[in-house]
């Protein structure tokens, strides 16, 4: 499953930045909260991976092992 996005270039004086709009539906599904630290990993020129610096807790509850 994929989501199309557009990358925006912003130029202010001598500096420039690129902004990526992250779809709200995708952020909510991944439980991404405001001000969470993330990092981009570059696998190759066509593949960028966004991951949490501190992994989120699993939403699945762990059952106690059977005795």
C-alpha atoms as a PDB file:
ATOM      1  CA  UNK A   1       0.000   0.000   0.000  1.00  0.00           C
ATOM      2  CA  UNK A   2       1.346   3.437  -0.836  1.00  0.00           C
ATOM      3  CA  UNK A   3       0.456   7.089  -0.472  1.00  0.00           C
ATOM      4  CA  UNK A   4       1.474   9.687  -3.019  1.00  0.00           C
ATOM      5  CA  UNK A   5       2.956  12.873  -1.627  1.00  0.00           C
ATOM      6  CA  UNK A   6       4.625  15.989  -2.963  1.00  0.00           C
ATOM      7  CA  UNK A   7       7.902  17.400  -1.724  1.00  0.00           C
ATOM      8  CA  UNK A   8       7.968  21.171  -1.292  1.00  0.00           C
ATOM      9  CA  UNK A   9      11.109  23.265  -1.650  1.00  0.00           C
ATOM     10  CA  UNK A  10      11.338  26.393   0.487  1.00  0.00           C
ATOM     11  CA  UNK A  11      14.072  28.958  -0.082  1.00  0.00           C
ATOM     12  CA  UNK A  12      14.700  31.661   2.539  1.00  0.00           C
ATOM     13  CA  UNK A  13      17.647  33.899   1.807  1.00  0.00           C
ATOM     14  CA  UNK A  14      20.724  31.728   1.493  1.00  0.00           C
ATOM     15  CA  UNK A  15      19.147  28.616   2.999  1.00  0.00           C
ATOM     16  CA  UNK A  16      16.782  26.130   1.456  1.00  0.00           C
ATOM     17  CA  UNK A  17      14.789  23.254   2.880  1.00  0.00           C
ATOM     18  CA  UNK A  18      12.596  20.502   1.562  1.00  0.00           C
ATOM     19  CA  UNK A  19       9.371  19.558   3.290  1.00  0.00           C
ATOM     20  CA  UNK A  20       7.522  16.270   3.078  1.00  0.00           C
ATOM     21  CA  UNK A  21       3.814  16.258   3.857  1.00  0.00           C
ATOM     22  CA  UNK A  22       2.944  13.105   5.741  1.00  0.00           C
ATOM     23  CA  UNK A  23      -0.694  12.013   5.229  1.00  0.00           C
ATOM     24  CA  UNK A  24      -2.689  12.259   8.474  1.00  0.00           C
ATOM     25  CA  UNK A  25      -4.365   8.886   7.877  1.00  0.00           C
ATOM     26  CA  UNK A  26      -0.981   7.197   7.627  1.00  0.00           C
ATOM     27  CA  UNK A  27       0.364   8.990  10.717  1.00  0.00           C
ATOM     28  CA  UNK A  28      -2.704   8.001  12.727  1.00  0.00           C
ATOM     29  CA  UNK A  29      -2.484   4.376  11.570  1.00  0.00           C
ATOM     30  CA  UNK A  30       1.182   4.284  12.625  1.00  0.00           C
ATOM     31  CA  UNK A  31       0.367   6.104  15.891  1.00  0.00           C
ATOM     32  CA  UNK A  32       2.850   8.871  15.143  1.00  0.00           C
ATOM     33  CA  UNK A  33       2.518  11.702  17.630  1.00  0.00           C
ATOM     34  CA  UNK A  34       3.599  15.311  17.447  1.00  0.00           C
ATOM     35  CA  UNK A  35       7.235  15.953  18.417  1.00  0.00           C
ATOM     36  CA  UNK A  36       8.274  12.291  18.158  1.00  0.00           C
ATOM     37  CA  UNK A  37      11.840  11.896  16.965  1.00  0.00           C
ATOM     38  CA  UNK A  38      12.175  10.090  13.661  1.00  0.00           C
ATOM     39  CA  UNK A  39      15.049   9.536  11.274  1.00  0.00           C
ATOM     40  CA  UNK A  40      15.372   9.016   7.537  1.00  0.00           C
ATOM     41  CA  UNK A  41      17.446   6.111   6.251  1.00  0.00           C
ATOM     42  CA  UNK A  42      18.549   6.170   2.641  1.00  0.00           C
ATOM     43  CA  UNK A  43      18.701   2.674   1.154  1.00  0.00           C
ATOM     44  CA  UNK A  44      19.325   3.925  -2.380  1.00  0.00           C
ATOM     45  CA  UNK A  45      18.377   6.867  -4.610  1.00  0.00           C
ATOM     46  CA  UNK A  46      14.792   5.619  -4.865  1.00  0.00           C
ATOM     47  CA  UNK A  47      14.156   4.241  -1.381  1.00  0.00           C
ATOM     48  CA  UNK A  48      13.923   6.303   1.801  1.00  0.00           C
ATOM     49  CA  UNK A  49      12.842   4.731   5.078  1.00  0.00           C
ATOM     50  CA  UNK A  50      11.365   6.736   7.935  1.00  0.00           C
ATOM     51  CA  UNK A  51      11.742   5.089  11.322  1.00  0.00           C
ATOM     52  CA  UNK A  52      11.269   5.947  14.972  1.00  0.00           C
ATOM     53  CA  UNK A  53      14.417   6.557  16.971  1.00  0.00           C
ATOM     54  CA  UNK A  54      12.756   4.936  19.994  1.00  0.00           C
ATOM     55  CA  UNK A  55      10.611   1.999  18.834  1.00  0.00           C
ATOM     56  CA  UNK A  56       6.953   2.148  19.832  1.00  0.00           C
ATOM     57  CA  UNK A  57       5.501  -0.427  22.189  1.00  0.00           C
ATOM     58  CA  UNK A  58       3.604  -3.242  20.543  1.00  0.00           C
ATOM     59  CA  UNK A  59      -0.181  -2.915  20.522  1.00  0.00           C
ATOM     60  CA  UNK A  60      -0.440  -6.708  20.850  1.00  0.00           C
ATOM     61  CA  UNK A  61      -0.637  -7.976  24.404  1.00  0.00           C
ATOM     62  CA  UNK A  62       1.724 -10.758  25.313  1.00  0.00           C
ATOM     63  CA  UNK A  63       0.123 -13.768  26.881  1.00  0.00           C
ATOM     64  CA  UNK A  64       1.728 -15.605  29.744  1.00  0.00           C
ATOM     65  CA  UNK A  65       3.268 -18.934  28.676  1.00  0.00           C
ATOM     66  CA  UNK A  66       1.225 -22.037  29.468  1.00  0.00           C
ATOM     67  CA  UNK A  67       2.508 -23.975  32.482  1.00  0.00           C
END
